[in-house]
């Protein structure tokens, strides 16, 4: 048989425990610093926070790549709930003017969308097959100035 098992010397455990204590202290400080940064960060508005909830789809009808995603970001920053975005059907062609087509709400929702975008012409075309309040067709006149996020 082998040698009997003996407990390790206390000095050896003291060094390991001291290292663990220092590592834990560093971790706690790092987490506290991160939490402080998150508390100071500004959050995006919650849809419906600045009035009745408005649900929209954003379609790029300008021919400029990526415009629907940019329009989506602008509207979400204004508290408008964008449920989908993409490219407008080719049958529409290229639009010079942004169109805000109201499907299920009053024209007041269109005015709110227009204020957020800075451009657009509001029209009312009820469509019960669409499960949203408005369709936004971005034209070539839409050129937002976005905030820089490092």
Protein backbone atom coordinates (compact mmCIF):
# COMPACT_ATOMS: atom_id res chain seq x y z
CA UNK A 1 0.00 0.00 0.00
CA UNK A 2 1.05 3.62 -0.27
CA UNK A 3 1.89 6.24 2.25
CA UNK A 4 -0.92 7.38 4.53
CA UNK A 5 -2.78 10.51 3.44
CA UNK A 6 -1.91 13.64 5.39
CA UNK A 7 -3.60 17.04 5.35
CA UNK A 8 -1.79 19.73 3.39
CA UNK A 9 0.18 22.31 5.29
CA UNK A 10 -1.76 25.40 6.43
CA UNK A 11 0.71 27.77 4.73
CA UNK A 12 -0.08 26.31 1.32
CA UNK A 13 -3.85 26.75 1.77
CA UNK A 14 -3.37 30.28 3.07
CA UNK A 15 -1.71 31.34 -0.21
CA UNK A 16 -4.48 29.86 -2.35
CA UNK A 17 -7.20 31.39 -0.19
CA UNK A 18 -5.52 34.80 -0.33
CA UNK A 19 -5.36 34.60 -4.13
CA UNK A 20 -9.03 33.60 -4.31
CA UNK A 21 -9.99 36.50 -2.03
CA UNK A 22 -8.10 39.00 -4.22
CA UNK A 23 -9.67 37.62 -7.41
CA UNK A 24 -13.15 37.82 -5.88
CA UNK A 25 -12.54 41.42 -4.78
CA UNK A 26 -11.44 42.38 -8.29
CA UNK A 27 -14.53 40.72 -9.78
CA UNK A 28 -16.87 42.57 -7.40
CA UNK A 29 -15.24 45.91 -8.27
CA UNK A 30 -15.50 45.20 -12.01
CA UNK A 31 -19.19 44.28 -11.73
CA UNK A 32 -19.92 47.41 -9.70
CA UNK A 33 -18.24 49.56 -12.37
CA UNK A 34 -20.28 47.92 -15.16
CA UNK A 35 -23.52 48.33 -13.25
CA UNK A 36 -22.83 52.04 -12.77
CA UNK A 37 -22.33 52.49 -16.54
CA UNK A 38 -25.62 50.73 -17.30
CA UNK A 39 -27.47 52.93 -14.84
CA UNK A 40 -26.28 56.08 -16.65
CA UNK A 41 -27.08 54.77 -20.16
CA UNK A 42 -30.19 56.15 -21.85
CA UNK A 43 -32.77 53.58 -22.81
CA UNK A 44 -34.89 53.61 -25.94
CA UNK A 45 -38.49 54.62 -25.32
CA UNK A 46 -41.06 51.90 -24.81
CA UNK A 47 -43.63 51.75 -27.64
CA UNK A 48 -46.77 53.53 -26.49
CA UNK A 49 -44.94 55.53 -23.81
CA UNK A 50 -45.52 58.85 -25.62
CA UNK A 51 -49.14 58.23 -26.57
CA UNK A 52 -51.17 55.33 -27.92
CA UNK A 53 -49.14 52.42 -29.25
CA UNK A 54 -48.69 52.65 -33.02
CA UNK A 55 -47.58 49.57 -34.99
CA UNK A 56 -46.03 50.08 -38.42
CA UNK A 57 -44.17 48.36 -41.21
CA UNK A 58 -41.29 50.20 -42.89
CA UNK A 59 -40.62 49.58 -46.58
CA UNK A 60 -37.75 51.03 -48.60
CA UNK A 61 -39.14 52.49 -51.83
CA UNK A 62 -36.15 54.76 -52.50
CA UNK A 63 -33.69 52.37 -54.12
CA UNK A 64 -31.06 53.33 -51.49
CA UNK A 65 -29.77 50.20 -49.73
CA UNK A 66 -30.34 49.98 -45.97
CA UNK A 67 -32.87 52.80 -45.73
CA UNK A 68 -35.61 50.62 -44.20
CA UNK A 69 -33.31 49.64 -41.35
CA UNK A 70 -32.38 53.29 -40.77
CA UNK A 71 -36.04 54.34 -40.81
CA UNK A 72 -36.83 51.55 -38.37
CA UNK A 73 -34.19 52.85 -35.95
CA UNK A 74 -35.52 56.42 -36.19
CA UNK A 75 -39.11 55.33 -35.52
CA UNK A 76 -38.16 53.04 -32.63
CA UNK A 77 -36.20 55.88 -31.01
CA UNK A 78 -39.45 57.87 -31.17
CA UNK A 79 -41.35 55.09 -29.37
CA UNK A 80 -43.14 53.77 -32.46
CA UNK A 81 -43.42 49.98 -32.67
CA UNK A 82 -41.96 48.75 -35.98
CA UNK A 83 -43.16 45.17 -36.49
CA UNK A 84 -41.40 44.57 -39.83
CA UNK A 85 -39.13 46.26 -42.35
CA UNK A 86 -37.83 45.47 -45.81
CA UNK A 87 -37.94 46.46 -49.46
CA UNK A 88 -41.13 47.73 -51.08
CA UNK A 89 -42.59 45.70 -53.95
CA UNK A 90 -40.95 46.49 -57.30
CA UNK A 91 -44.38 47.36 -58.74
CA UNK A 92 -44.31 50.60 -56.68
CA UNK A 93 -41.15 51.78 -58.39
CA UNK A 94 -38.93 54.43 -56.82
CA UNK A 95 -40.76 57.03 -54.74
CA UNK A 96 -39.54 60.62 -54.48
CA UNK A 97 -41.74 61.39 -51.48
CA UNK A 98 -42.14 59.29 -48.34
CA UNK A 99 -45.69 58.00 -47.90
CA UNK A 100 -47.32 57.17 -44.58
CA UNK A 101 -50.37 55.04 -45.31
CA UNK A 102 -52.79 54.73 -42.38
CA UNK A 103 -54.42 51.29 -42.24
CA UNK A 104 -56.35 51.10 -38.94
CA UNK A 105 -55.98 54.35 -36.99
CA UNK A 106 -56.77 58.02 -37.37
CA UNK A 107 -54.55 60.44 -39.27
CA UNK A 108 -53.16 61.56 -35.88
CA UNK A 109 -50.98 58.44 -35.85
CA UNK A 110 -49.67 59.47 -39.27
CA UNK A 111 -48.75 62.91 -37.97
CA UNK A 112 -46.79 61.30 -35.14
CA UNK A 113 -44.90 59.12 -37.63
CA UNK A 114 -44.24 62.12 -39.89
CA UNK A 115 -42.84 64.14 -36.97
CA UNK A 116 -40.48 61.27 -36.10
CA UNK A 117 -39.26 60.89 -39.70
CA UNK A 118 -39.15 64.59 -40.51
CA UNK A 119 -40.76 63.95 -43.92
CA UNK A 120 -43.76 62.23 -45.45
CA UNK A 121 -47.25 62.62 -46.82
CA UNK A 122 -50.06 61.00 -44.81
CA UNK A 123 -52.87 59.20 -46.62
CA UNK A 124 -55.66 57.03 -45.23
CA UNK A 125 -56.29 53.69 -46.95
CA UNK A 126 -58.04 51.30 -44.55
CA UNK A 127 -56.95 47.68 -45.00
CA UNK A 128 -58.33 45.13 -42.54
CA UNK A 129 -56.02 42.41 -43.89
CA UNK A 130 -52.97 44.21 -42.49
CA UNK A 131 -52.47 43.68 -38.77
CA UNK A 132 -50.79 47.04 -38.25
CA UNK A 133 -51.72 50.69 -37.94
CA UNK A 134 -49.65 52.14 -40.80
CA UNK A 135 -47.31 51.33 -43.68
CA UNK A 136 -44.34 53.65 -44.16
CA UNK A 137 -42.96 53.76 -47.71
CA UNK A 138 -39.62 55.58 -47.54
CA UNK A 139 -38.85 57.74 -50.56
CA UNK A 140 -35.66 59.45 -51.69
CA UNK A 141 -36.56 62.51 -49.57
CA UNK A 142 -35.82 60.55 -46.36
CA UNK A 143 -32.26 61.37 -45.27
CA UNK A 144 -32.07 61.30 -41.46
CA UNK A 145 -29.22 62.46 -39.28
CA UNK A 146 -28.62 59.62 -36.87
CA UNK A 147 -26.90 59.85 -33.52
CA UNK A 148 -23.42 58.36 -33.40
CA UNK A 149 -23.17 55.25 -31.20
CA UNK A 150 -19.54 54.23 -30.56
